N, C-alpha and C. Protein backbone atom coordinates (compact mmCIF):
# COMPACT_ATOMS: atom_id res chain seq x y z
N UNK A 1 175.12 64.29 177.38
CA UNK A 1 175.87 63.05 176.98
C UNK A 1 175.92 63.18 175.58
N UNK A 2 176.79 62.98 175.04
CA UNK A 2 177.14 62.46 173.51
C UNK A 2 177.66 61.39 173.40
N UNK A 3 177.35 60.07 172.57
CA UNK A 3 177.99 59.11 172.29
C UNK A 3 178.75 59.42 171.17
N UNK A 4 180.16 58.96 170.82
CA UNK A 4 180.75 59.51 169.61
C UNK A 4 181.31 57.56 169.64
N UNK A 5 181.83 57.32 167.90
CA UNK A 5 182.73 56.53 167.47
C UNK A 5 183.84 56.94 167.14
N UNK A 6 184.64 56.99 167.85
CA UNK A 6 186.07 57.53 166.96
C UNK A 6 187.21 56.49 167.30
N UNK A 7 188.08 56.41 166.29
CA UNK A 7 189.10 55.50 166.33
C UNK A 7 188.46 54.19 166.65
N UNK A 8 187.61 53.51 166.11
CA UNK A 8 187.14 52.62 165.76
C UNK A 8 186.97 51.99 167.36
N UNK A 9 186.35 53.16 168.28
CA UNK A 9 186.11 52.73 169.90
C UNK A 9 185.03 53.44 170.16
N UNK A 10 184.14 53.33 170.45
CA UNK A 10 182.56 54.14 171.16
C UNK A 10 183.37 55.35 172.02
N UNK A 11 182.36 56.21 172.26
CA UNK A 11 183.59 57.00 173.69
C UNK A 11 181.74 57.49 173.94
N UNK A 12 181.75 57.86 175.68
CA UNK A 12 180.87 58.66 175.91
C UNK A 12 181.42 60.22 176.23
N UNK A 13 181.16 61.24 175.94
CA UNK A 13 180.99 62.25 176.61
C UNK A 13 180.24 62.82 177.49
N UNK A 14 180.35 63.24 178.64
CA UNK A 14 179.78 63.86 178.94
C UNK A 14 180.29 65.21 180.66
N UNK A 15 179.65 65.84 181.26
CA UNK A 15 179.66 66.20 182.26
C UNK A 15 179.85 65.99 183.62
N UNK A 16 181.01 66.18 184.57
CA UNK A 16 180.71 65.13 185.91
C UNK A 16 180.46 66.49 186.96
N UNK A 17 180.12 66.00 187.88
CA UNK A 17 179.81 67.03 189.06
C UNK A 17 180.28 68.10 189.29
N UNK A 18 181.49 68.14 189.15
CA UNK A 18 182.20 70.00 188.75
C UNK A 18 181.90 70.60 187.68
N UNK A 19 181.15 70.14 186.43
CA UNK A 19 181.38 70.65 185.16
C UNK A 19 182.29 70.51 184.63
N UNK A 20 183.05 69.58 184.83
CA UNK A 20 183.85 69.16 183.76
C UNK A 20 184.06 68.57 182.73
N UNK A 21 184.61 69.00 181.49
CA UNK A 21 184.04 67.70 180.89
C UNK A 21 184.65 66.34 180.35
N UNK A 22 184.48 65.58 180.00
CA UNK A 22 184.99 63.82 180.69
C UNK A 22 184.59 63.29 179.50
N UNK A 23 185.76 62.28 179.00
CA UNK A 23 185.23 61.13 177.78
C UNK A 23 185.66 60.09 178.61
N UNK A 24 184.43 58.82 178.44
CA UNK A 24 185.00 57.81 178.55
C UNK A 24 184.84 56.83 177.81
N UNK A 25 185.27 55.80 177.76
CA UNK A 25 185.69 54.61 176.65
C UNK A 25 184.59 53.58 176.68
N UNK A 26 183.97 53.34 176.09
CA UNK A 26 182.95 52.29 176.09
C UNK A 26 183.67 51.02 176.92
N UNK A 27 182.91 50.45 177.83
CA UNK A 27 183.28 48.65 178.74
C UNK A 27 184.15 47.87 177.57
N UNK A 28 183.42 47.60 176.26
CA UNK A 28 184.64 46.66 175.78
C UNK A 28 185.70 47.29 175.31
N UNK A 29 185.93 48.36 174.94
CA UNK A 29 187.05 49.27 174.84
C UNK A 29 188.04 48.51 175.73
N UNK A 30 189.47 48.45 174.98
CA UNK A 30 190.68 48.08 175.77
C UNK A 30 191.47 49.38 176.04
N UNK A 31 190.70 50.35 176.96
CA UNK A 31 191.85 51.82 177.16
C UNK A 31 192.44 51.39 178.21
N UNK A 32 192.56 51.07 178.91
CA UNK A 32 193.79 50.62 179.97
C UNK A 32 193.57 51.72 180.84
N UNK A 33 195.15 52.71 181.09
CA UNK A 33 195.03 53.70 182.48
C UNK A 33 194.25 54.79 181.82
N UNK A 34 193.85 54.89 180.43
CA UNK A 34 193.41 56.16 179.47
C UNK A 34 191.86 55.90 179.51
N UNK A 35 191.21 55.26 180.22
CA UNK A 35 189.73 55.16 180.83
C UNK A 35 188.70 56.30 180.38
N UNK A 36 188.98 57.00 181.46
CA UNK A 36 188.77 58.67 181.51
C UNK A 36 189.35 59.70 181.52
N UNK A 37 189.15 60.73 180.14
CA UNK A 37 189.73 61.55 180.39
C UNK A 37 189.27 62.71 180.62
N UNK A 38 189.80 63.79 181.32
CA UNK A 38 189.36 64.98 181.64
C UNK A 38 189.21 66.01 180.44
N UNK A 39 188.79 66.49 179.50
CA UNK A 39 188.96 67.08 178.33
C UNK A 39 188.69 68.90 178.72
N UNK A 40 188.55 69.12 179.85
CA UNK A 40 188.40 69.92 180.18
C UNK A 40 190.13 71.00 180.48
N UNK A 41 190.78 70.00 181.26
CA UNK A 41 191.99 70.17 181.40
C UNK A 41 192.97 70.04 180.16
N UNK A 42 192.46 68.88 179.76
CA UNK A 42 193.42 68.02 178.42
C UNK A 42 193.26 69.34 177.22
N UNK A 43 192.11 69.69 176.79
CA UNK A 43 191.83 70.24 175.53
C UNK A 43 191.09 71.15 175.84
N UNK A 44 190.85 71.73 176.79
CA UNK A 44 189.94 73.10 177.01
C UNK A 44 188.33 73.03 176.79
N UNK A 45 187.96 72.32 176.89
CA UNK A 45 186.87 71.64 176.53
C UNK A 45 185.40 72.68 177.79
N UNK A 46 184.65 73.59 176.92
CA UNK A 46 183.82 74.04 177.88
C UNK A 46 182.33 73.28 177.95
N UNK A 47 182.30 72.71 176.52
CA UNK A 47 180.75 71.60 176.63
C UNK A 47 181.30 70.60 175.92
N UNK A 48 179.88 70.20 176.03
CA UNK A 48 179.95 68.67 175.49
C UNK A 48 180.42 68.32 173.74
N UNK A 49 179.63 69.43 173.03
CA UNK A 49 180.15 69.74 172.30
C UNK A 49 181.36 69.79 171.64
N UNK A 50 182.39 70.51 172.19
CA UNK A 50 183.72 71.16 172.32
C UNK A 50 184.20 69.95 172.62
N UNK A 51 184.01 68.80 173.47
CA UNK A 51 184.48 67.69 173.92
C UNK A 51 184.52 66.58 172.99
N UNK A 52 183.21 66.69 172.29
CA UNK A 52 183.42 65.72 171.34
C UNK A 52 183.93 65.60 169.92
N UNK A 53 184.45 67.30 169.43
CA UNK A 53 185.04 67.84 168.56
C UNK A 53 186.33 67.18 168.93
N UNK A 54 187.16 67.35 170.12
CA UNK A 54 188.43 67.14 170.95
C UNK A 54 188.81 65.70 170.48
N UNK A 55 187.51 65.14 171.61
CA UNK A 55 187.65 63.38 170.94
C UNK A 55 188.24 63.13 169.33
N UNK A 56 187.58 63.52 168.46
CA UNK A 56 187.49 63.30 166.97
C UNK A 56 188.65 63.62 166.93
N UNK A 57 189.10 65.29 166.74
CA UNK A 57 190.34 65.77 166.44
C UNK A 57 191.57 64.86 166.91
N UNK A 58 191.41 64.37 168.11
CA UNK A 58 192.54 63.64 168.53
C UNK A 58 192.64 62.08 167.84
N UNK A 59 191.53 61.17 167.60
CA UNK A 59 191.54 60.68 166.74
C UNK A 59 192.19 60.37 165.23
N UNK A 60 192.19 61.85 165.01
CA UNK A 60 191.99 61.89 163.43
C UNK A 60 193.71 62.05 163.48
N UNK A 61 194.50 62.71 164.23
CA UNK A 61 195.79 63.34 164.66
C UNK A 61 196.56 62.10 165.09
N UNK A 62 195.90 60.70 165.82
CA UNK A 62 196.83 59.34 166.80
C UNK A 62 195.90 58.72 165.85
N UNK A 63 196.17 57.96 165.22
CA UNK A 63 195.39 57.00 164.42
C UNK A 63 195.49 55.72 165.34
N UNK A 64 194.70 54.66 165.34
CA UNK A 64 195.23 53.11 165.81
C UNK A 64 196.11 52.36 164.83
N UNK A 65 196.96 52.32 165.24
CA UNK A 65 198.08 50.93 163.90
C UNK A 65 197.61 50.06 164.35
N UNK A 66 197.34 48.98 162.92
CA UNK A 66 197.18 47.61 163.17
C UNK A 66 198.27 47.23 163.07
N UNK A 67 198.90 46.38 164.06
CA UNK A 67 199.74 45.66 164.04
C UNK A 67 199.82 44.01 163.68
N UNK A 68 201.05 43.36 163.71
CA UNK A 68 200.56 41.75 163.47
C UNK A 68 201.84 41.21 165.21
């Protein structure tokens, strides 16, 4: 399990019982329907380290825009 801060929110990257890499947003983050994302299916991550990299890369390409 790895705890990562990306895009201003805390994320937890871990493996589930099937061995798939999952990223889960912290309970305080307002993630909505994208609360848990399967990085094995979305980004091809096979290890937690690859999952952390995929999470950080996604947030670099898709920054949160602050609106009024």
